[in-house]
Protein backbone atom coordinates (compact mmCIF):
# COMPACT_ATOMS: atom_id res chain seq x y z
CA MET A 1 10.37 -86.42 -23.03
CA SER A 2 10.48 -82.76 -22.35
CA PRO A 3 13.82 -81.14 -23.04
CA PHE A 4 13.41 -79.14 -19.82
CA ARG A 5 14.37 -80.81 -16.57
CA TYR A 6 14.15 -79.80 -12.94
CA SER A 7 17.24 -80.37 -10.95
CA LYS A 8 16.93 -82.31 -7.77
CA VAL A 9 17.60 -80.47 -4.54
CA SER A 10 18.17 -82.34 -1.40
CA SER A 11 16.36 -81.36 1.75
CA GLU A 12 19.68 -80.66 3.46
CA SER A 13 20.72 -78.22 0.77
CA SER A 14 17.39 -76.46 1.02
CA GLN A 15 17.69 -76.02 4.75
CA ASP A 16 21.21 -74.62 4.47
CA SER A 17 20.08 -72.10 1.90
CA SER A 18 17.20 -71.03 4.11
CA LEU A 19 19.49 -70.53 7.10
CA GLU A 20 21.92 -68.54 5.02
CA HIS A 21 19.12 -66.30 3.85
CA GLN A 22 18.10 -65.68 7.44
CA ARG A 23 21.61 -64.73 8.43
CA VAL A 24 21.85 -61.96 5.79
CA PRO A 25 20.86 -58.66 7.50
CA PRO A 26 18.30 -56.50 5.68
CA ARG A 27 19.67 -53.55 3.77
CA ARG A 28 19.15 -50.27 5.60
CA ASN A 29 17.60 -47.32 3.84
CA ARG A 30 20.38 -45.03 2.65
CA CYS A 31 18.53 -41.83 3.46
CA CYS A 32 17.80 -42.99 6.98
CA SER A 33 21.44 -43.71 7.47
CA ILE A 34 22.44 -40.22 6.34
CA PHE A 35 19.86 -38.59 8.62
CA GLU A 36 21.11 -40.56 11.58
CA LYS A 37 24.65 -39.41 10.91
CA LEU A 38 23.51 -35.78 10.72
CA GLU A 39 21.26 -35.98 13.78
CA PHE A 40 23.88 -34.40 16.04
CA LEU A 41 23.86 -31.25 13.86
CA ARG A 42 20.16 -30.54 14.33
CA TRP A 43 20.35 -28.35 17.44
CA PRO A 44 23.51 -26.43 16.47
CA VAL A 45 21.94 -25.57 13.10
CA THR A 46 18.67 -24.58 14.80
CA PHE A 47 20.43 -22.22 17.21
CA PHE A 48 22.53 -20.79 14.39
CA LEU A 49 19.43 -19.95 12.34
CA LEU A 50 17.75 -18.40 15.38
CA PHE A 51 20.85 -16.28 15.93
CA ILE A 52 20.75 -15.09 12.31
CA ILE A 53 17.07 -14.18 12.67
CA LEU A 54 17.82 -12.25 15.87
CA LEU A 55 20.60 -10.31 14.12
CA CYS A 56 18.23 -9.41 11.29
CA GLU A 57 15.59 -8.17 13.76
CA LEU A 58 18.12 -6.06 15.64
CA SER A 59 19.40 -4.59 12.39
CA MET A 60 15.87 -3.64 11.34
CA LEU A 61 15.21 -2.00 14.71
CA HIS A 62 18.50 -0.10 14.55
CA ASN A 63 17.80 1.21 11.04
CA ARG A 64 14.19 2.14 11.77
CA PRO A 65 13.69 5.94 11.68
CA LYS A 66 13.45 7.39 15.18
CA ALA A 67 10.11 8.89 16.16
CA VAL A 68 10.26 12.68 16.40
CA PRO A 69 8.39 13.99 19.48
CA VAL A 70 5.48 16.32 18.71
CA GLY A 71 6.47 19.97 18.76
CA THR A 72 10.23 19.40 18.47
CA ASP A 73 12.63 20.53 15.78
CA PHE A 74 12.62 17.97 12.94
CA ASN A 75 16.29 18.71 12.17
CA SER A 76 17.49 18.35 15.79
CA ILE A 77 19.11 21.79 15.69
CA VAL A 78 17.09 22.89 18.71
CA PRO A 79 17.51 20.60 21.74
CA VAL A 80 14.67 18.56 23.22
CA PHE A 81 13.51 20.25 26.42
CA SER A 82 12.07 18.63 29.52
CA THR A 83 8.35 18.38 30.16
CA GLU A 84 6.30 19.24 33.22
CA LYS A 85 2.77 18.73 34.50
CA LYS A 86 0.88 21.98 34.56
CA ILE A 87 -2.64 22.99 35.62
CA PHE A 88 -4.23 25.67 33.45
CA ARG A 89 -5.44 28.59 35.56
CA SER A 90 -7.09 31.83 34.53
CA ASP A 91 -4.74 34.85 34.61
CA LYS A 92 -6.47 38.24 34.46
CA GLY A 93 -3.15 39.91 33.72
CA PHE A 94 -3.48 38.93 30.06
CA ARG A 95 -6.77 40.73 29.50
CA SER A 96 -7.47 44.41 29.96
CA ASP A 97 -10.61 46.09 31.26
CA HIS A 98 -11.25 47.28 27.67
CA ARG A 99 -11.99 50.72 29.09
CA THR A 100 -8.82 52.55 30.07
CA MET A 101 -5.55 53.01 28.20
CA GLU A 102 -3.72 52.36 31.45
CA SER A 103 -5.17 48.85 31.61
CA VAL A 104 -4.67 48.28 27.86
CA ASN A 105 -0.99 49.27 28.01
CA LYS A 106 -0.39 47.20 31.14
CA THR A 107 -1.87 44.15 29.41
CA LYS A 108 0.30 44.70 26.34
CA GLN A 109 3.36 44.80 28.58
CA GLN A 110 2.30 41.55 30.24
CA TRP A 111 2.09 39.85 26.85
CA ALA A 112 5.41 41.32 25.70
CA GLU A 113 7.21 39.91 28.73
CA LEU A 114 6.34 36.38 27.60
CA LEU A 115 8.78 36.76 24.74
CA PRO A 116 12.52 36.52 25.46
CA LEU A 117 15.21 39.00 24.51
CA GLY A 118 15.64 38.73 20.77
CA ALA A 119 11.97 37.71 20.35
CA GLY A 120 12.89 34.11 19.46
CA PHE A 121 14.98 34.81 16.35
CA MET A 122 18.21 32.86 15.88
CA GLU A 123 20.82 32.13 13.23
CA VAL A 124 21.36 28.79 11.46
CA PRO A 125 24.60 29.32 9.48
CA ASP A 126 24.62 26.04 7.50
CA TYR A 127 20.87 25.89 6.90
CA ASN A 128 21.38 24.17 3.51
CA SER A 129 22.47 21.05 5.39
CA TYR A 130 18.99 20.69 6.88
CA THR A 131 15.39 20.41 5.75
CA LEU A 132 14.44 24.05 6.29
CA PRO A 133 12.51 26.75 4.43
CA PRO A 134 14.50 29.72 3.07
CA PRO A 135 15.95 31.94 5.83
CA MET A 136 15.04 35.52 6.65
CA HIS A 137 17.52 38.34 6.06
CA PHE A 138 17.33 41.48 8.19
CA PRO A 139 19.31 44.70 7.65
CA GLU A 140 20.06 44.68 11.40
CA ALA A 141 21.80 41.29 11.01
CA PRO A 142 23.74 41.48 7.74
CA GLY A 143 24.97 38.17 6.34
CA LYS A 144 23.05 36.08 8.86
CA GLU A 145 20.60 33.30 7.94
CA VAL A 146 17.75 33.96 10.38
CA PHE A 147 14.97 31.64 11.59
CA SER A 148 12.39 31.98 14.37
CA LEU A 149 11.22 29.56 17.05
CA ALA A 150 7.55 28.80 16.35
CA VAL A 151 6.34 29.15 19.94
CA PHE A 152 7.31 32.83 20.03
CA HIS A 153 5.71 33.50 16.66
CA GLU A 154 2.51 31.97 18.04
CA LEU A 155 2.67 34.15 21.16
CA HIS A 156 3.36 37.19 18.99
CA CYS A 157 0.18 36.42 17.03
CA LEU A 158 -1.96 36.06 20.15
CA MET A 159 -0.50 39.27 21.50
CA HIS A 160 -1.34 41.03 18.23
CA ILE A 161 -4.94 39.75 18.21
CA ALA A 162 -5.47 40.80 21.84
CA ALA A 163 -4.03 44.26 21.17
CA SER A 164 -6.15 44.68 18.03
CA MET A 165 -9.30 43.81 19.95
CA ASP A 166 -8.44 46.32 22.68
CA ASP A 167 -7.75 49.04 20.11
CA LEU A 168 -11.02 48.30 18.33
CA VAL A 169 -13.07 48.39 21.56
CA MET A 170 -11.43 51.63 22.71
CA GLN A 171 -12.14 53.28 19.35
CA ILE A 172 -15.77 52.21 19.49
CA ARG A 173 -16.08 53.61 23.02
CA ARG A 174 -14.56 56.91 21.86
CA LYS A 175 -16.67 56.84 18.69
CA ASP A 176 -13.63 57.58 16.54
CA PHE A 177 -13.36 54.25 14.77
CA LYS A 178 -10.70 53.99 12.06
CA LEU A 179 -10.22 50.77 10.12
CA ASP A 180 -6.59 49.69 9.84
CA GLU A 181 -6.38 47.32 6.86
CA SER A 182 -2.86 46.21 7.74
CA PHE A 183 -4.06 45.08 11.18
CA LEU A 184 -6.85 43.09 9.56
CA LEU A 185 -4.41 41.31 7.24
CA HIS A 186 -2.09 40.57 10.14
CA ASN A 187 -4.95 39.21 12.22
CA ASP A 188 -6.12 37.02 9.35
CA HIS A 189 -2.64 35.53 9.15
CA CYS A 190 -2.50 35.04 12.92
CA PHE A 191 -5.85 33.27 13.18
CA ASP A 192 -4.85 30.83 10.45
CA TYR A 193 -1.36 30.32 11.89
CA ILE A 194 -2.65 29.60 15.40
CA ARG A 195 -5.26 27.25 13.93
CA ASN A 196 -2.41 25.26 12.37
CA ALA A 197 -0.46 25.23 15.63
CA ILE A 198 -3.42 24.00 17.70
CA MET A 199 -4.27 21.25 15.21
CA CYS A 200 -0.61 20.24 14.98
CA PHE A 201 -0.21 19.67 18.72
CA GLY A 202 -3.66 18.19 19.24
CA ASP A 203 -3.67 18.47 23.05
CA THR A 204 -5.76 15.52 24.27
CA THR A 205 -5.97 16.54 27.94
CA LEU A 206 -9.43 15.82 29.37
CA GLU A 207 -11.10 18.98 30.65
CA GLY A 208 -13.96 19.13 33.14
CA GLN A 209 -16.67 21.42 34.44
CA THR A 210 -15.93 25.15 34.51
CA ARG A 211 -14.89 26.67 37.83
CA THR A 212 -15.84 30.22 36.93
CA PRO A 213 -17.87 31.66 39.85
CA GLY A 214 -21.56 31.69 39.02
CA LEU A 215 -21.21 29.13 36.23
CA GLU A 216 -20.38 26.05 38.30
CA HIS A 217 -23.81 24.54 37.68
CA VAL A 218 -24.02 25.41 33.99
CA PRO A 219 -22.71 22.50 31.91
CA GLY A 220 -19.55 23.61 30.13
CA THR A 221 -15.80 23.99 30.51
CA ASP A 222 -13.43 26.93 30.67
CA GLY A 223 -10.36 24.69 30.40
CA THR A 224 -9.04 25.35 33.90
CA GLY A 225 -8.21 22.74 36.51
CA ALA A 226 -7.01 19.96 34.21
CA ILE A 227 -3.41 18.71 34.32
CA HIS A 228 -1.58 19.14 31.01
CA VAL A 229 1.78 17.69 30.01
CA CYS A 230 3.75 20.74 28.81
CA ARG A 231 7.18 21.52 27.52
CA ASN A 232 9.23 23.50 30.06
CA PHE A 233 8.68 27.04 28.78
CA ASP A 234 11.44 28.53 30.94
CA GLU A 235 13.99 26.22 29.28
CA VAL A 236 12.76 27.16 25.81
CA SER A 237 12.90 30.87 26.66
CA ALA A 238 16.42 30.56 28.11
CA TYR A 239 17.61 28.79 24.95
CA ALA A 240 16.08 31.51 22.76
CA GLU A 241 17.87 34.22 24.75
CA GLN A 242 21.13 32.30 24.51
CA LYS A 243 20.81 32.17 20.70
CA ARG A 244 19.40 35.70 20.25
CA LEU A 245 20.67 37.99 17.52
CA ASN A 246 19.98 41.25 19.38
CA GLU A 247 18.71 42.68 22.65
CA GLY A 248 15.33 43.74 21.32
CA ARG A 249 11.98 42.83 22.88
CA GLU A 250 8.58 42.42 21.28
CA HIS A 251 6.35 45.47 21.44
CA LEU A 252 3.22 46.89 19.83
């Protein structure tokens, strides 16, 4: 006989055990239980994270360097002036007849009047606090750190080129031409300086067909008639006069 025996189980006992097994609820997954308990936190946490992201974006925008408008003072010493829409028109007052000294001198005066009292020179006492080149020092303004507003330097250069051309033409007409080397050097500087200024501003106004009488049907432009967005020159000139170091005017 085998030493191993099977115990007898009654049918009643088997049924009771089966019923008991059915009554025992299945064990729930522990992770699922935790997630269900934390379900109510989902939206608060989501909104909190979105709020943090928004704060980060605002902080980045606040700390982003401000764009400096073209043609303004990088150091914000000079104020930002208003702009205006302006149509370029030909003005014969800024060109002489290249024949008479009366016309030449009148044209020079017209150019000179574009520059304000003081010719656009001003003092910046604490210039070391800014990103600026070394200052100028004039005997007429002892102890002052002097700088110039670029627009009036540019006008000075154009005025000098126009005057040089008039002087050259008048000498040729009189057949007493004399070469002034200093004028040539000055003109060389002015051409290069104005080139820089034009390329810096990069005026993108769209110009159309010339309106010069007799040339209306010849394809080309003289730059007149188009609307440009310009800085208010009167405001700039008034500021320069307010900051002037002396009462002098530009002259040639």
